[in-house]
């Protein structure tokens, strides 16, 4: 489906306790790897670290995470349509 030179990014939405807006991060990390890192951070009550597709990192205290949602990103569509 995807060639080796085409990476499929995953959009991760992170809800944080007492923060009205969620964090939306696009990452090249697989969903399974994100889940493993989140599980480890929750077990250790440490910081959850997620690398963005553009190279920066997001740090969130694991005990403050309310929810995490995964969405597979599609290729961006450009242009207008009469749908």
C-alpha atoms as a PDB file:
ATOM      1  CA  UNK A   1       0.000   0.000   0.000  1.00  0.00           C
ATOM      2  CA  UNK A   2       2.765   2.485   0.938  1.00  0.00           C
ATOM      3  CA  UNK A   3       6.248   2.360  -0.503  1.00  0.00           C
ATOM      4  CA  UNK A   4       9.276   2.563   1.793  1.00  0.00           C
ATOM      5  CA  UNK A   5       9.904   6.182   0.792  1.00  0.00           C
ATOM      6  CA  UNK A   6       6.304   7.113   1.633  1.00  0.00           C
ATOM      7  CA  UNK A   7       5.703   7.384   5.336  1.00  0.00           C
ATOM      8  CA  UNK A   8       2.220   7.312   6.722  1.00  0.00           C
ATOM      9  CA  UNK A   9       1.866   9.801   9.519  1.00  0.00           C
ATOM     10  CA  UNK A  10      -0.425   9.262  12.465  1.00  0.00           C
ATOM     11  CA  UNK A  11      -2.370  12.122  14.013  1.00  0.00           C
ATOM     12  CA  UNK A  12      -2.454  11.889  17.811  1.00  0.00           C
ATOM     13  CA  UNK A  13      -4.882  13.982  19.874  1.00  0.00           C
ATOM     14  CA  UNK A  14      -3.986  14.324  23.553  1.00  0.00           C
ATOM     15  CA  UNK A  15      -6.463  15.658  26.083  1.00  0.00           C
ATOM     16  CA  UNK A  16      -4.873  17.125  29.200  1.00  0.00           C
ATOM     17  CA  UNK A  17      -6.669  17.536  32.520  1.00  0.00           C
ATOM     18  CA  UNK A  18      -7.738  21.139  33.303  1.00  0.00           C
ATOM     19  CA  UNK A  19      -6.745  22.335  29.806  1.00  0.00           C
ATOM     20  CA  UNK A  20      -9.677  23.287  27.557  1.00  0.00           C
ATOM     21  CA  UNK A  21      -7.935  22.505  24.242  1.00  0.00           C
ATOM     22  CA  UNK A  22      -6.408  19.232  23.135  1.00  0.00           C
ATOM     23  CA  UNK A  23      -2.925  18.851  21.680  1.00  0.00           C
ATOM     24  CA  UNK A  24      -2.917  17.642  18.084  1.00  0.00           C
ATOM     25  CA  UNK A  25       0.381  16.124  16.976  1.00  0.00           C
ATOM     26  CA  UNK A  26       1.280  14.558  13.644  1.00  0.00           C
ATOM     27  CA  UNK A  27       3.971  11.921  14.097  1.00  0.00           C
ATOM     28  CA  UNK A  28       5.822   9.317  12.063  1.00  0.00           C
ATOM     29  CA  UNK A  29       5.877   7.026  15.119  1.00  0.00           C
ATOM     30  CA  UNK A  30       3.614   4.001  14.711  1.00  0.00           C
ATOM     31  CA  UNK A  31       0.438   3.715  16.748  1.00  0.00           C
ATOM     32  CA  UNK A  32       1.844   0.638  18.550  1.00  0.00           C
ATOM     33  CA  UNK A  33       5.006   2.531  19.550  1.00  0.00           C
ATOM     34  CA  UNK A  34       2.978   5.503  20.806  1.00  0.00           C
ATOM     35  CA  UNK A  35       0.804   3.149  22.877  1.00  0.00           C
ATOM     36  CA  UNK A  36       3.888   1.432  24.340  1.00  0.00           C
ATOM     37  CA  UNK A  37       5.501   4.765  25.276  1.00  0.00           C
ATOM     38  CA  UNK A  38       2.249   5.986  26.849  1.00  0.00           C
ATOM     39  CA  UNK A  39       1.788   2.753  28.809  1.00  0.00           C
ATOM     40  CA  UNK A  40       5.364   2.946  30.124  1.00  0.00           C
ATOM     41  CA  UNK A  41       4.988   6.624  31.094  1.00  0.00           C
ATOM     42  CA  UNK A  42       1.711   5.929  32.911  1.00  0.00           C
ATOM     43  CA  UNK A  43       3.195   2.953  34.774  1.00  0.00           C
ATOM     44  CA  UNK A  44       6.237   4.965  35.898  1.00  0.00           C
ATOM     45  CA  UNK A  45       4.247   8.193  36.450  1.00  0.00           C
ATOM     46  CA  UNK A  46       6.868   9.902  34.305  1.00  0.00           C
ATOM     47  CA  UNK A  47       6.749  12.181  31.261  1.00  0.00           C
ATOM     48  CA  UNK A  48       5.197  11.026  27.987  1.00  0.00           C
ATOM     49  CA  UNK A  49       7.372  12.108  25.040  1.00  0.00           C
ATOM     50  CA  UNK A  50       6.113  12.158  21.462  1.00  0.00           C
ATOM     51  CA  UNK A  51       8.203  13.165  18.427  1.00  0.00           C
ATOM     52  CA  UNK A  52       6.436  15.303  15.833  1.00  0.00           C
ATOM     53  CA  UNK A  53       6.810  14.609  12.121  1.00  0.00           C
ATOM     54  CA  UNK A  54       8.596  17.964  11.728  1.00  0.00           C
ATOM     55  CA  UNK A  55      11.308  16.989  14.218  1.00  0.00           C
ATOM     56  CA  UNK A  56      10.249  18.638  17.482  1.00  0.00           C
ATOM     57  CA  UNK A  57       9.186  16.761  20.623  1.00  0.00           C
ATOM     58  CA  UNK A  58       6.144  17.119  22.853  1.00  0.00           C
ATOM     59  CA  UNK A  59       6.512  16.429  26.593  1.00  0.00           C
ATOM     60  CA  UNK A  60       3.402  15.822  28.731  1.00  0.00           C
ATOM     61  CA  UNK A  61       3.315  14.664  32.370  1.00  0.00           C
ATOM     62  CA  UNK A  62       1.649  11.249  32.103  1.00  0.00           C
ATOM     63  CA  UNK A  63      -0.503  11.715  35.193  1.00  0.00           C
ATOM     64  CA  UNK A  64      -2.135  14.792  33.579  1.00  0.00           C
ATOM     65  CA  UNK A  65      -3.251  12.978  30.399  1.00  0.00           C
ATOM     66  CA  UNK A  66      -7.032  12.624  30.199  1.00  0.00           C
ATOM     67  CA  UNK A  67      -7.242  10.769  26.865  1.00  0.00           C
ATOM     68  CA  UNK A  68      -5.329   9.923  23.691  1.00  0.00           C
ATOM     69  CA  UNK A  69      -6.972   9.489  20.285  1.00  0.00           C
ATOM     70  CA  UNK A  70      -5.322   8.140  17.120  1.00  0.00           C
ATOM     71  CA  UNK A  71      -6.283   9.032  13.566  1.00  0.00           C
ATOM     72  CA  UNK A  72      -4.537   7.801  10.444  1.00  0.00           C
ATOM     73  CA  UNK A  73      -3.631  10.808   8.336  1.00  0.00           C
ATOM     74  CA  UNK A  74      -4.628  10.896   4.707  1.00  0.00           C
ATOM     75  CA  UNK A  75      -2.627  12.585   2.021  1.00  0.00           C
ATOM     76  CA  UNK A  76      -3.525  16.258   2.079  1.00  0.00           C
ATOM     77  CA  UNK A  77      -5.968  17.306  -0.611  1.00  0.00           C
ATOM     78  CA  UNK A  78      -5.386  20.582  -2.388  1.00  0.00           C
ATOM     79  CA  UNK A  79      -7.902  22.514  -4.426  1.00  0.00           C
ATOM     80  CA  UNK A  80     -11.605  23.111  -4.467  1.00  0.00           C
ATOM     81  CA  UNK A  81     -14.451  20.785  -5.225  1.00  0.00           C
ATOM     82  CA  UNK A  82     -18.188  20.962  -5.793  1.00  0.00           C
ATOM     83  CA  UNK A  83     -19.110  17.965  -3.707  1.00  0.00           C
END
